[in-house]
Structures are given as C-alpha cells and as structure tokens.
Amino acid sequence: MNYRRRQFLGALGAGTVATAGLTRTATAQEQPVVRMGNNYFDPIGLHVEPGTTVRFEIAAGTHSATAYENRLPADASAFDSAVISSGGFEYTFEESGTYDYYCIPHRSVGMVGRIVVGSPGGPAEASPIPDGDVPDSDAIVEQGAIAYGSSTGGGGNSGGGMMGHGMGSGPGMTNGRNGGLFGGLPFLGGALGLLGLVGGLLYWALGRGDASPESDDSAMETLRRRYARSEVDEAEFQRRRERLETGGEDEPR
C-alpha cells in the first residue's frame, strides 16, 4: 500500500515539473510586441536574441516603425512598416547590435524607440539619437524591456548618460525638455501665481481709484446738458455743481 502511494506521489511530482517546464518554454517563446500609441512606443527599450521576430502593433492613432538607416548594425537591413492606422508590422532581427527607430508622422515630437539584439553595438552607440530620447542600451539588456514612461524609460541616450524623459503623451510620460521653465519647481510656480494674483488685485484697486474723476466729469457733463435744456434752473445747477466739485453725489442721467 505504501509502495503504491509512493509511486503515485512520484508520478504526480514528475507531472508537475513537466508542466512547469512547458509553461516556462511557452512563456519564453512568446512574441515580443511593441505597442504604438499616441506619440510613444511601449516598451521604448527592448532586448531580444538574434532571430527574434518583433511585432509592432497599433494601440492608438496612425504611426510607423521606421529604422534610422545610419543607426543600425553594419550588416543589418533597415526596416520600415510604412504609416499604418490599424493592425501591425513584424520584423525579424537577425544581426546583433543596437537598432534605433522612429515614427514618421511623429518624429518631430520625439516618438522613438530602441531595440538591442544580443549585445549593444553599431553606429547607434556612437552618438545620441537625433530625435527624442531612448534608454541606455546596457539598461535595456539588463532589464529585458523598459516600459515607456518608467523611471528608466525614455531617459537615456546612446552615450550612456541619463537625460530628460522623451517626448509624447503616453502613459506616465514626462518630457524633461518641454516641461517648462518651472515644470520641476511647483513651489516656485505657486509663488509666482500668488504674486500674479496680488498684482491683479492692486491693478483693479488702482483702476477703481482712477475711475472717480472720470465719473465726476461725466456727471458734470450731464448736469451741464440738463442746464442747457432748461431742465434745471440756475440755483439748482449751482447747488449740484458745487456738490460734484466737493465730492458729493453724482448727477443722475
């Protein structure tokens, strides 16, 4: 009885290990997908092994995944999905090295991405990407994939230093270069706003003070017109004129 029980438990354990192995294999074989959204690629940095097919898929808007021809490994061919508004585009990365790419309609606003195949290398490592920002290649290799808008995503350049975040309107993305002069100084921005409010109140108060003589002049003109039309007599005209000149009530129209 105990022997049969040990046989059953052994078979069950072996099946569990086999199932876990199959699950890991299936997960490892999942096709990498780069989502193209409103002015962003996600992940913005991706590491794959040579021979991996990557799918660039539309999440929102109209975009392209277009390689910089001068920022590819020496033996690699440039890929280009053309501009698409639905579906996706697939490309198989055969040559090791660093691939930088961009979106044709949104290149000017920094919609760029980087894929490292195998290990970093090639012209892309020699100079910063010309549009926007991408993560450092070593960070991409270490993490496998860097999400757009993450603390390490969109913040590096090909020289290995960290820069401001890339441009765009993707989830959680901030743009260090277009954040405004006081984008990172909320306290100073609030103080300037308060000063502006105080200045506006002072301007309003001074404007009201300056308005009194104008009002008096208008009242005097009204009184003179009524006197000219004989609507008030000489005594009434003199009485009201004196009151206006000494700051009394305005002449009703």
Protein backbone atom coordinates (compact mmCIF):
# COMPACT_ATOMS: atom_id res chain seq x y z
CA MET A 1 0.00 0.00 0.00
CA ASN A 2 2.75 2.42 0.94
CA TYR A 3 4.70 1.47 -2.22
CA ARG A 4 1.72 2.33 -4.45
CA ARG A 5 1.27 5.62 -2.62
CA ARG A 6 4.93 6.49 -3.20
CA GLN A 7 4.58 5.61 -6.88
CA PHE A 8 1.53 7.87 -7.22
CA LEU A 9 3.18 10.82 -5.49
CA GLY A 10 6.32 10.38 -7.58
CA ALA A 11 4.33 10.39 -10.81
CA LEU A 12 2.36 13.45 -9.66
CA GLY A 13 5.58 15.32 -8.86
CA ALA A 14 7.10 14.46 -12.21
CA GLY A 15 3.98 15.69 -13.99
CA THR A 16 4.08 18.96 -12.09
CA VAL A 17 7.73 19.55 -13.02
CA ALA A 18 7.00 18.74 -16.65
CA THR A 19 4.04 21.12 -16.71
CA ALA A 20 6.12 23.91 -15.16
CA GLY A 21 8.82 23.31 -17.76
CA LEU A 22 6.32 23.54 -20.59
CA THR A 23 4.90 26.76 -19.13
CA ARG A 24 8.34 28.35 -18.94
CA THR A 25 9.09 27.28 -22.51
CA ALA A 26 5.82 28.71 -23.79
CA THR A 27 6.44 31.98 -21.96
CA ALA A 28 9.97 32.23 -23.34
CA GLN A 29 8.64 31.73 -26.85
CA GLU A 30 6.03 34.49 -26.65
CA GLN A 31 6.50 37.01 -29.43
CA PRO A 32 7.68 40.43 -28.22
CA VAL A 33 5.19 43.20 -29.02
CA VAL A 34 5.91 46.92 -29.20
CA ARG A 35 2.73 48.96 -28.92
CA MET A 36 2.48 52.18 -30.95
CA GLY A 37 0.28 54.71 -29.13
CA ASN A 38 -0.18 58.46 -29.05
CA ASN A 39 3.40 59.60 -29.71
CA TYR A 40 5.11 56.68 -27.95
CA PHE A 41 6.49 53.17 -28.43
CA ASP A 42 5.93 50.81 -25.49
CA PRO A 43 8.28 49.32 -24.48
CA ILE A 44 10.58 52.11 -25.55
CA GLY A 45 13.58 49.82 -24.98
CA LEU A 46 13.57 46.10 -25.81
CA HIS A 47 16.23 43.36 -25.68
CA VAL A 48 15.88 40.26 -27.87
CA GLU A 49 18.14 37.49 -29.12
CA PRO A 50 19.18 37.22 -32.79
CA GLY A 51 16.49 35.60 -34.90
CA THR A 52 13.60 37.03 -32.83
CA THR A 53 10.58 38.40 -34.66
CA VAL A 54 9.16 41.54 -33.05
CA ARG A 55 5.64 42.74 -33.73
CA PHE A 56 4.93 46.48 -33.84
CA GLU A 57 1.21 46.89 -33.14
CA ILE A 58 -1.09 49.92 -33.35
CA ALA A 59 -2.61 50.80 -29.97
CA ALA A 60 -3.96 54.24 -30.95
CA GLY A 61 -3.50 56.71 -33.77
CA THR A 62 -1.55 56.42 -37.01
CA HIS A 63 2.15 55.55 -36.83
CA SER A 64 5.12 53.83 -38.38
CA ALA A 65 8.09 51.85 -37.10
CA THR A 66 10.95 53.06 -39.28
CA ALA A 67 14.62 52.35 -38.67
CA TYR A 68 17.27 55.05 -38.87
CA GLU A 69 19.38 53.79 -41.75
CA ASN A 70 22.57 55.18 -40.17
CA ARG A 71 21.85 53.79 -36.68
CA LEU A 72 21.85 50.05 -37.39
CA PRO A 73 24.43 47.26 -37.08
CA ALA A 74 26.76 47.08 -40.08
CA ASP A 75 25.16 44.03 -41.74
CA ALA A 76 21.55 44.80 -40.80
CA SER A 77 18.88 45.96 -43.22
CA ALA A 78 16.64 48.90 -42.42
CA PHE A 79 13.04 48.06 -41.60
CA ASP A 80 10.00 50.24 -42.30
CA SER A 81 6.37 49.45 -41.61
CA ALA A 82 5.19 52.49 -43.57
CA VAL A 83 2.43 54.57 -41.96
CA ILE A 84 -0.41 52.39 -40.69
CA SER A 85 -3.52 53.09 -38.61
CA SER A 86 -4.53 49.53 -37.66
CA GLY A 87 -3.05 46.08 -37.32
CA GLY A 88 0.69 45.74 -37.04
CA PHE A 89 4.04 45.04 -38.65
CA GLU A 90 6.58 42.29 -37.97
CA TYR A 91 10.32 42.23 -38.45
CA THR A 92 12.89 39.56 -37.66
CA PHE A 93 16.13 40.87 -36.15
CA GLU A 94 18.98 38.69 -37.36
CA GLU A 95 22.11 40.77 -36.70
CA SER A 96 23.37 41.58 -33.21
CA GLY A 97 23.67 45.21 -32.20
CA THR A 98 21.64 48.31 -31.43
CA TYR A 99 18.70 49.39 -33.59
CA ASP A 100 17.16 52.85 -33.24
CA TYR A 101 13.87 53.65 -34.93
CA TYR A 102 11.19 56.34 -35.13
CA CYS A 103 7.63 57.11 -36.21
CA ILE A 104 7.43 59.01 -39.49
CA PRO A 105 4.42 61.25 -38.57
CA HIS A 106 5.68 61.92 -35.04
CA ARG A 107 9.45 62.01 -35.43
CA SER A 108 9.47 65.76 -34.75
CA VAL A 109 7.86 65.24 -31.33
CA GLY A 110 10.35 62.56 -30.30
CA MET A 111 8.47 59.32 -30.93
CA VAL A 112 11.48 56.99 -30.99
CA GLY A 113 12.49 53.57 -29.68
CA ARG A 114 15.50 51.26 -29.31
CA ILE A 115 15.96 47.51 -29.69
CA VAL A 116 19.15 45.78 -28.64
CA VAL A 117 19.69 42.43 -30.34
CA GLY A 118 22.13 40.22 -28.45
CA SER A 119 24.58 42.81 -27.18
CA PRO A 120 24.87 46.59 -27.82
CA GLY A 121 26.92 47.71 -30.78
CA GLY A 122 26.99 49.66 -34.03
CA PRO A 123 26.63 53.33 -35.02
CA ALA A 124 23.72 53.93 -32.64
CA GLU A 125 26.15 53.63 -29.72
CA ALA A 126 28.44 56.34 -31.06
CA SER A 127 26.13 59.35 -30.80
CA PRO A 128 22.84 60.43 -29.18
CA ILE A 129 19.64 59.65 -31.04
CA PRO A 130 18.69 62.75 -33.08
CA ASP A 131 15.01 62.85 -32.09
CA GLY A 132 13.72 62.44 -28.55
CA ASP A 133 15.44 60.13 -26.05
CA VAL A 134 15.85 56.38 -25.54
CA PRO A 135 17.07 54.31 -22.58
CA ASP A 136 20.71 53.33 -22.25
CA SER A 137 21.48 50.07 -24.07
CA ASP A 138 23.07 48.41 -21.04
CA ALA A 139 19.90 49.12 -19.02
CA ILE A 140 17.81 47.60 -21.79
CA VAL A 141 19.92 44.43 -21.79
CA GLU A 142 19.80 44.21 -18.01
CA GLN A 143 16.03 44.68 -17.72
CA GLY A 144 14.93 42.97 -20.92
CA ALA A 145 12.24 45.56 -21.62
CA ILE A 146 11.82 49.14 -20.41
CA ALA A 147 8.28 50.47 -20.43
CA TYR A 148 7.57 53.87 -21.86
CA GLY A 149 7.23 56.35 -19.01
CA SER A 150 9.01 54.20 -16.42
CA SER A 151 11.69 55.67 -14.17
CA THR A 152 14.36 54.33 -16.51
CA GLY A 153 12.39 54.53 -19.74
CA GLY A 154 12.91 57.24 -22.31
CA GLY A 155 15.61 58.83 -20.22
CA GLY A 156 18.93 57.68 -21.60
CA ASN A 157 20.99 58.39 -24.66
CA SER A 158 23.31 56.25 -26.69
CA GLY A 159 26.30 57.73 -24.88
CA GLY A 160 25.35 56.02 -21.65
CA GLY A 161 24.27 59.15 -19.72
CA MET A 162 20.82 59.90 -18.41
CA MET A 163 18.86 62.75 -19.93
CA GLY A 164 15.35 64.15 -19.60
CA HIS A 165 12.43 61.88 -20.48
CA GLY A 166 11.37 61.50 -24.09
CA MET A 167 8.50 63.42 -25.66
CA GLY A 168 4.93 62.32 -26.14
CA SER A 169 1.67 61.77 -24.43
CA GLY A 170 1.96 58.18 -23.40
CA PRO A 171 1.02 56.82 -20.00
CA GLY A 172 3.02 58.40 -17.20
CA MET A 173 5.49 60.01 -19.59
CA THR A 174 7.08 63.33 -18.72
CA ASN A 175 9.18 65.39 -21.06
CA GLY A 176 12.17 66.93 -19.35
CA ARG A 177 12.96 69.26 -22.24
CA ASN A 178 9.48 70.67 -22.75
CA GLY A 179 8.28 70.71 -19.16
CA GLY A 180 8.55 74.49 -18.97
CA LEU A 181 10.94 76.70 -17.05
CA PHE A 182 9.26 75.93 -13.72
CA GLY A 183 7.98 72.41 -14.57
CA GLY A 184 10.09 70.82 -11.84
CA LEU A 185 9.62 73.62 -9.29
CA PRO A 186 6.00 73.51 -8.11
CA PHE A 187 6.69 75.71 -5.09
CA LEU A 188 8.22 78.49 -7.17
CA GLY A 189 5.42 78.21 -9.72
CA GLY A 190 2.82 78.56 -6.96
CA ALA A 191 4.61 81.59 -5.53
CA LEU A 192 4.68 83.26 -8.93
CA GLY A 193 0.99 82.54 -9.34
CA LEU A 194 0.27 84.19 -5.97
CA LEU A 195 2.31 87.23 -6.95
CA GLY A 196 0.32 87.48 -10.16
CA LEU A 197 -2.93 87.38 -8.21
CA VAL A 198 -1.75 90.13 -5.84
CA GLY A 199 -0.67 92.25 -8.79
CA GLY A 200 -4.05 91.81 -10.42
CA LEU A 201 -5.85 92.92 -7.26
CA LEU A 202 -3.63 96.00 -6.98
CA TYR A 203 -4.28 96.90 -10.60
CA TRP A 204 -8.03 96.54 -10.05
CA ALA A 205 -7.93 98.69 -6.91
CA LEU A 206 -5.89 101.43 -8.58
CA GLY A 207 -8.18 101.33 -11.56
CA ARG A 208 -11.19 101.94 -9.37
CA GLY A 209 -9.43 104.87 -7.72
CA ASP A 210 -8.66 106.40 -11.09
CA ALA A 211 -12.24 105.98 -12.22
CA SER A 212 -13.70 108.54 -9.77
CA PRO A 213 -12.63 111.74 -11.58
CA GLU A 214 -13.92 110.28 -14.82
CA SER A 215 -17.25 109.57 -13.17
CA ASP A 216 -17.34 113.11 -11.76
CA ASP A 217 -16.59 114.55 -15.19
CA SER A 218 -19.41 112.53 -16.72
CA ALA A 219 -21.81 113.70 -14.01
CA MET A 220 -20.76 117.31 -14.58
CA GLU A 221 -21.34 116.95 -18.32
CA THR A 222 -24.79 115.51 -17.65
CA LEU A 223 -25.59 118.43 -15.33
CA ARG A 224 -24.45 120.95 -17.93
CA ARG A 225 -26.58 119.31 -20.62
CA ARG A 226 -29.65 119.37 -18.37
CA TYR A 227 -28.99 123.02 -17.54
CA ALA A 228 -28.64 123.85 -21.24
CA ARG A 229 -32.00 122.15 -21.93
CA SER A 230 -33.54 124.18 -19.06
CA GLU A 231 -34.32 121.02 -17.13
CA VAL A 232 -32.77 122.61 -14.02
CA ASP A 233 -32.76 126.28 -13.08
CA GLU A 234 -29.76 128.43 -12.24
CA ALA A 235 -29.97 127.86 -8.48
CA GLU A 236 -30.30 124.10 -8.81
CA PHE A 237 -27.44 123.98 -11.31
CA GLN A 238 -25.12 125.89 -8.95
CA ARG A 239 -26.10 123.74 -5.98
CA ARG A 240 -25.45 120.45 -7.79
CA ARG A 241 -22.25 121.72 -9.39
CA GLU A 242 -20.85 122.64 -6.00
CA ARG A 243 -21.74 119.21 -4.61
CA LEU A 244 -19.97 117.49 -7.50
CA GLU A 245 -16.88 119.62 -7.12
CA THR A 246 -16.69 118.87 -3.40
CA GLY A 247 -17.22 115.11 -3.86
CA GLY A 248 -20.96 114.93 -3.33
CA GLU A 249 -23.49 112.76 -5.13
CA ASP A 250 -23.22 112.26 -8.88
CA GLU A 251 -25.68 113.86 -11.17
CA PRO A 252 -28.22 111.21 -12.31
CA ARG A 253 -28.63 110.81 -16.01
